[in-house]
Amino acid sequence: MNSPASITNNYTDIAEAKTKLPLGKMLVLGIFAGAFIAFGAIGSQIAAFGVQPAALGRMLSAAVFPIGLMLVLVAGAELFTGNCLIIVSVLEKRATLSGLLRNWLFVYLGNLIGGVAVAALAVYGHVFDMYNCELAKVAVTTAVSKVNLDFLDAFIKGILCNVLVCGAVWVSFAADELAGKVLALFLPVSLFVLCGFEHCVANMYFVPAGILSSIEYKIPIESIGAVSFMGYDVEGALALLLKFLYKNLLPVTLGNIFGGAIILGLGYWFVYYQSCRDK
């Protein structure tokens, strides 16, 4: 097993290379990651459907969702939340701040494209016909619950989520064998799903899937309320989309950055680089 200090050294090299990827490859790998996370999210919804007690359903969901991150790390893709750790390489002056921001921007865009694409394919491929179309109602209910989160709650749940996701990425580098990597990343990711924390890339699937399901399956969106936009009150799917952007995606993304880059990235840089130099 690689030691924490070795993981830090190895990840610094990897993070530097991530910032130097050509934009086209960065975007495509971002799309793959968004799609992989979306596949895990679809599976988690199907596995948990109708299971009682609810805690057992949540555990089944948590057991399936990590397949997405496994595909990201083993097959090779660029995930925004995991790439928050690139800050370690920036602090070591191995990568530039502009390189970090460039990576975040294009990977985030790629993740969004991948998540929305899988959501659209699942809806219009009628994956949500499952369980007599009740799965489509679950998709809408999930989306509505996410956009109705309080801004601060979404931010804090985003922090907690990415401490675990980046922790999963970090500990996966402790193992050299595939089985060890999969086991190491599985447990922290499973824990964040079990606890109901918020992951911005997963939500790039969950909320679009709910919006598109409400349209395709003609499911009325309740408890969303009208949203004012350019002087007009809009309702339904458009209101859900607008609330998603500023009440979920924004705070969750900020929380994910804080949890991954500031808490975990900065913390490990201090412990394994800065502290050693101070001695």
Protein backbone atom coordinates (compact mmCIF):
# COMPACT_ATOMS: atom_id res chain seq x y z
CA MET A 1 0.00 0.00 0.00
CA ASN A 2 1.26 3.48 -0.84
CA SER A 3 1.68 5.81 2.14
CA PRO A 4 -0.23 9.12 2.38
CA ALA A 5 2.99 10.99 1.60
CA SER A 6 3.54 8.86 -1.52
CA ILE A 7 -0.03 9.47 -2.62
CA THR A 8 0.54 13.20 -2.34
CA ASN A 9 3.69 13.05 -4.48
CA ASN A 10 2.04 10.84 -7.09
CA TYR A 11 -1.09 12.97 -7.30
CA THR A 12 0.96 16.14 -7.78
CA ASP A 13 2.37 14.70 -11.01
CA ILE A 14 -1.05 13.55 -12.17
CA ALA A 15 -2.65 16.91 -11.38
CA GLU A 16 0.02 18.77 -13.32
CA ALA A 17 -0.67 16.59 -16.37
CA LYS A 18 -4.41 17.23 -16.05
CA THR A 19 -3.92 20.98 -16.45
CA LYS A 20 -1.90 20.46 -19.64
CA LEU A 21 -4.44 18.33 -21.50
CA PRO A 22 -5.55 19.74 -24.89
CA LEU A 23 -8.97 21.40 -24.60
CA GLY A 24 -10.64 18.91 -26.93
CA LYS A 25 -9.47 15.91 -24.90
CA MET A 26 -10.34 17.68 -21.65
CA LEU A 27 -13.89 18.30 -22.85
CA VAL A 28 -14.42 14.75 -24.17
CA LEU A 29 -13.06 13.18 -20.99
CA GLY A 30 -15.35 15.51 -19.03
CA ILE A 31 -18.34 14.27 -21.07
CA PHE A 32 -17.37 10.67 -20.32
CA ALA A 33 -17.16 11.41 -16.59
CA GLY A 34 -20.54 13.15 -16.55
CA ALA A 35 -22.05 10.19 -18.37
CA PHE A 36 -20.41 7.63 -16.05
CA ILE A 37 -21.71 9.40 -12.95
CA ALA A 38 -25.17 9.59 -14.56
CA PHE A 39 -25.14 5.83 -15.19
CA GLY A 40 -24.39 5.25 -11.52
CA ALA A 41 -27.19 7.65 -10.60
CA ILE A 42 -29.75 5.88 -12.82
CA GLY A 43 -28.80 2.53 -11.32
CA SER A 44 -29.09 3.93 -7.80
CA GLN A 45 -32.66 5.14 -8.51
CA ILE A 46 -33.70 1.81 -9.99
CA ALA A 47 -32.16 -0.22 -7.16
CA ALA A 48 -33.86 1.80 -4.41
CA PHE A 49 -37.31 2.02 -5.99
CA GLY A 50 -40.13 0.93 -3.69
CA VAL A 51 -37.82 -0.68 -1.15
CA GLN A 52 -39.07 -0.67 2.43
CA PRO A 53 -37.92 0.33 4.93
CA ALA A 54 -36.56 3.48 3.29
CA ALA A 55 -33.20 3.04 5.01
CA LEU A 56 -32.70 -0.25 3.17
CA GLY A 57 -33.52 1.43 -0.14
CA ARG A 58 -30.96 4.12 0.61
CA MET A 59 -28.36 1.46 1.34
CA LEU A 60 -29.06 -0.25 -1.99
CA SER A 61 -28.76 3.10 -3.75
CA ALA A 62 -25.45 3.72 -1.98
CA ALA A 63 -24.20 0.30 -3.07
CA VAL A 64 -24.82 1.01 -6.77
CA PHE A 65 -23.90 4.68 -7.21
CA PRO A 66 -20.11 4.22 -6.74
CA ILE A 67 -19.97 2.30 -10.05
CA GLY A 68 -19.92 5.73 -11.73
CA LEU A 69 -16.76 6.90 -9.95
CA MET A 70 -15.17 3.49 -10.52
CA LEU A 71 -15.63 4.00 -14.27
CA VAL A 72 -14.20 7.53 -14.03
CA LEU A 73 -11.02 6.45 -12.27
CA VAL A 74 -10.41 3.08 -13.91
CA ALA A 75 -11.58 3.74 -17.48
CA GLY A 76 -10.12 7.25 -17.43
CA ALA A 77 -12.19 10.44 -17.42
CA GLU A 78 -12.11 13.96 -16.00
CA LEU A 79 -14.47 14.69 -13.09
CA PHE A 80 -14.83 18.25 -11.81
CA THR A 81 -15.31 17.30 -8.18
CA GLY A 82 -12.24 15.05 -8.10
CA ASN A 83 -10.22 17.68 -9.95
CA CYS A 84 -10.67 20.07 -7.04
CA LEU A 85 -7.57 18.29 -5.71
CA ILE A 86 -5.48 19.88 -8.49
CA ILE A 87 -5.02 22.75 -6.03
CA VAL A 88 -2.23 20.65 -4.44
CA SER A 89 -0.17 20.89 -7.63
CA VAL A 90 -0.86 24.63 -7.89
CA LEU A 91 0.34 25.21 -4.33
CA GLU A 92 3.51 23.28 -5.16
CA LYS A 93 3.99 25.55 -8.22
CA ARG A 94 3.86 22.50 -10.48
CA ALA A 95 0.69 23.77 -12.16
CA THR A 96 -0.57 27.31 -12.72
CA LEU A 97 -3.75 28.85 -11.38
CA SER A 98 -4.83 29.59 -14.94
CA GLY A 99 -4.27 25.91 -15.81
CA LEU A 100 -6.42 24.89 -12.84
CA LEU A 101 -9.26 27.24 -13.81
CA ARG A 102 -9.05 26.15 -17.45
CA ASN A 103 -9.35 22.52 -16.38
CA TRP A 104 -12.25 23.23 -14.04
CA LEU A 105 -14.15 25.22 -16.68
CA PHE A 106 -13.91 22.73 -19.53
CA VAL A 107 -14.28 19.64 -17.36
CA TYR A 108 -17.35 21.17 -15.67
CA LEU A 109 -18.87 21.92 -19.07
CA GLY A 110 -18.08 18.40 -20.25
CA ASN A 111 -19.60 16.89 -17.11
CA LEU A 112 -22.77 18.92 -17.70
CA ILE A 113 -23.04 17.77 -21.31
CA GLY A 114 -22.51 14.14 -20.30
CA GLY A 115 -25.03 14.23 -17.47
CA VAL A 116 -27.74 15.95 -19.50
CA ALA A 117 -27.13 13.67 -22.50
CA VAL A 118 -27.59 10.51 -20.43
CA ALA A 119 -30.67 12.02 -18.76
CA ALA A 120 -32.19 12.76 -22.19
CA LEU A 121 -31.33 9.33 -23.59
CA ALA A 122 -32.79 7.60 -20.52
CA VAL A 123 -36.02 9.62 -20.67
CA TYR A 124 -36.61 9.44 -24.42
CA GLY A 125 -35.38 5.85 -24.55
CA HIS A 126 -38.17 5.24 -22.00
CA VAL A 127 -35.97 3.73 -19.32
CA PHE A 128 -38.38 5.46 -16.95
CA ASP A 129 -41.27 3.28 -18.16
CA MET A 130 -39.93 0.83 -15.57
CA TYR A 131 -42.27 -0.08 -12.70
CA ASN A 132 -45.34 1.04 -14.72
CA CYS A 133 -43.78 4.50 -15.26
CA GLU A 134 -43.54 5.07 -11.51
CA LEU A 135 -39.80 5.55 -11.94
CA ALA A 136 -40.54 8.73 -13.91
CA LYS A 137 -42.43 10.10 -10.90
CA VAL A 138 -39.43 9.31 -8.71
CA ALA A 139 -37.21 11.28 -11.12
CA VAL A 140 -39.50 14.32 -10.89
CA THR A 141 -39.83 14.09 -7.11
CA THR A 142 -36.04 13.83 -6.74
CA ALA A 143 -35.48 16.89 -8.92
CA VAL A 144 -38.07 18.96 -7.03
CA SER A 145 -36.61 18.02 -3.64
CA LYS A 146 -33.14 19.06 -4.77
CA VAL A 147 -34.13 22.49 -6.10
CA ASN A 148 -36.13 23.21 -2.93
CA LEU A 149 -33.08 22.88 -0.71
CA ASP A 150 -32.12 25.96 1.28
CA PHE A 151 -29.05 27.66 -0.28
CA LEU A 152 -26.95 27.21 2.88
CA ASP A 153 -28.05 23.60 3.31
CA ALA A 154 -27.08 22.84 -0.30
CA PHE A 155 -23.70 24.53 0.21
CA ILE A 156 -22.93 22.58 3.39
CA LYS A 157 -24.06 19.27 1.89
CA GLY A 158 -21.81 20.07 -1.07
CA ILE A 159 -18.85 20.52 1.29
CA LEU A 160 -19.49 17.24 3.07
CA CYS A 161 -19.97 15.41 -0.21
CA ASN A 162 -16.70 16.43 -1.80
CA VAL A 163 -14.64 15.76 1.29
CA LEU A 164 -15.75 12.16 0.80
CA VAL A 165 -15.48 12.11 -3.02
CA CYS A 166 -11.99 13.63 -3.03
CA GLY A 167 -11.14 11.33 -0.13
CA ALA A 168 -12.25 8.41 -2.33
CA VAL A 169 -10.02 9.61 -5.18
CA TRP A 170 -7.13 10.09 -2.76
CA VAL A 171 -7.32 6.68 -1.10
CA SER A 172 -7.72 4.92 -4.46
CA PHE A 173 -4.10 5.93 -5.13
CA ALA A 174 -3.06 3.93 -2.06
CA ALA A 175 -3.59 0.72 -4.03
CA ASP A 176 -1.73 -0.47 -7.12
CA GLU A 177 -4.09 -3.35 -7.88
CA LEU A 178 -7.50 -2.79 -9.51
CA ALA A 179 -9.43 -4.61 -6.79
CA GLY A 180 -7.83 -2.48 -4.10
CA LYS A 181 -8.60 0.76 -5.96
CA VAL A 182 -12.25 -0.19 -6.44
CA LEU A 183 -12.70 -1.17 -2.80
CA ALA A 184 -10.97 1.99 -1.56
CA LEU A 185 -13.13 4.37 -3.59
CA PHE A 186 -16.36 2.40 -3.06
CA LEU A 187 -16.75 2.99 0.67
CA PRO A 188 -16.42 6.82 0.88
CA VAL A 189 -18.68 7.34 -2.16
CA SER A 190 -21.24 4.93 -0.77
CA LEU A 191 -21.18 6.89 2.48
CA PHE A 192 -21.91 10.24 0.81
CA VAL A 193 -24.94 8.74 -0.98
CA LEU A 194 -26.15 7.10 2.21
CA CYS A 195 -25.94 10.44 4.04
CA GLY A 196 -27.78 12.38 1.32
CA PHE A 197 -24.97 14.83 0.56
CA GLU A 198 -24.99 16.90 -2.66
CA HIS A 199 -22.74 16.27 -5.68
CA CYS A 200 -22.93 18.86 -8.47
CA VAL A 201 -22.13 16.41 -11.28
CA ALA A 202 -24.68 13.85 -10.08
CA ASN A 203 -27.24 16.65 -9.97
CA MET A 204 -26.44 17.43 -13.62
CA TYR A 205 -28.22 14.13 -14.24
CA PHE A 206 -30.85 14.05 -11.46
CA VAL A 207 -32.48 17.41 -12.13
CA PRO A 208 -32.46 17.32 -15.97
CA ALA A 209 -33.89 13.78 -15.76
CA GLY A 210 -36.70 15.11 -13.60
CA ILE A 211 -37.37 18.07 -15.89
CA LEU A 212 -37.45 15.92 -19.04
CA SER A 213 -39.56 13.24 -17.32
CA SER A 214 -42.14 15.86 -16.34
CA ILE A 215 -42.43 16.84 -20.00
CA GLU A 216 -42.32 13.38 -21.60
CA TYR A 217 -44.59 11.68 -19.07
CA LYS A 218 -46.81 14.74 -18.50
CA ILE A 219 -46.20 14.71 -14.75
CA PRO A 220 -47.27 17.99 -13.12
CA ILE A 221 -44.52 19.57 -11.03
CA GLU A 222 -45.99 20.27 -7.62
CA SER A 223 -44.60 22.40 -4.79
CA ILE A 224 -42.21 24.29 -7.04
CA GLY A 225 -43.99 27.63 -7.21
CA ALA A 226 -43.68 30.27 -9.89
CA VAL A 227 -40.30 31.81 -10.61
CA SER A 228 -39.87 35.38 -11.86
CA PHE A 229 -37.73 35.57 -15.00
CA MET A 230 -37.30 38.68 -17.18
CA GLY A 231 -40.48 40.18 -15.78
CA TYR A 232 -42.57 37.04 -16.28
CA ASP A 233 -43.73 34.39 -13.86
CA VAL A 234 -42.84 30.97 -15.21
CA GLU A 235 -43.98 27.62 -13.89
CA GLY A 236 -43.40 23.94 -14.41
CA ALA A 237 -40.28 22.60 -16.14
CA LEU A 238 -38.78 26.03 -16.84
CA ALA A 239 -39.22 27.11 -13.22
CA LEU A 240 -37.56 23.86 -12.15
CA LEU A 241 -34.61 24.55 -14.46
CA LEU A 242 -34.15 28.12 -13.22
CA LYS A 243 -34.32 27.08 -9.59
CA PHE A 244 -31.85 24.29 -10.31
CA LEU A 245 -29.27 26.73 -11.62
CA TYR A 246 -29.30 29.18 -8.71
CA LYS A 247 -30.69 27.18 -5.77
CA ASN A 248 -28.88 23.89 -6.30
CA LEU A 249 -26.13 23.86 -8.90
CA LEU A 250 -24.53 27.12 -7.71
CA PRO A 251 -24.39 26.41 -3.94
CA VAL A 252 -23.54 22.74 -4.40
CA THR A 253 -20.70 23.56 -6.81
CA LEU A 254 -19.30 26.15 -4.39
CA GLY A 255 -19.60 23.66 -1.54
CA ASN A 256 -17.88 20.94 -3.58
CA ILE A 257 -14.99 23.32 -4.34
CA PHE A 258 -14.67 24.28 -0.69
CA GLY A 259 -14.75 20.69 0.52
CA GLY A 260 -12.39 19.31 -2.13
CA ALA A 261 -9.93 22.14 -2.74
CA ILE A 262 -9.85 24.05 0.54
CA ILE A 263 -10.46 21.41 3.18
CA LEU A 264 -8.91 18.29 1.66
CA GLY A 265 -6.49 19.71 -0.93
CA LEU A 266 -5.10 22.53 1.17
CA GLY A 267 -5.10 20.33 4.26
CA TYR A 268 -3.04 17.56 2.67
CA TRP A 269 -0.68 20.07 1.06
CA PHE A 270 -0.04 21.60 4.49
CA VAL A 271 0.51 18.25 6.19
CA TYR A 272 2.67 16.52 3.58
CA TYR A 273 4.50 19.43 1.92
CA GLN A 274 4.48 22.64 3.91
CA SER A 275 4.88 21.03 7.31
CA CYS A 276 7.85 18.97 6.11
CA ARG A 277 9.60 22.10 4.80
CA ASP A 278 9.02 23.87 8.11
CA LYS A 279 10.94 21.17 10.00
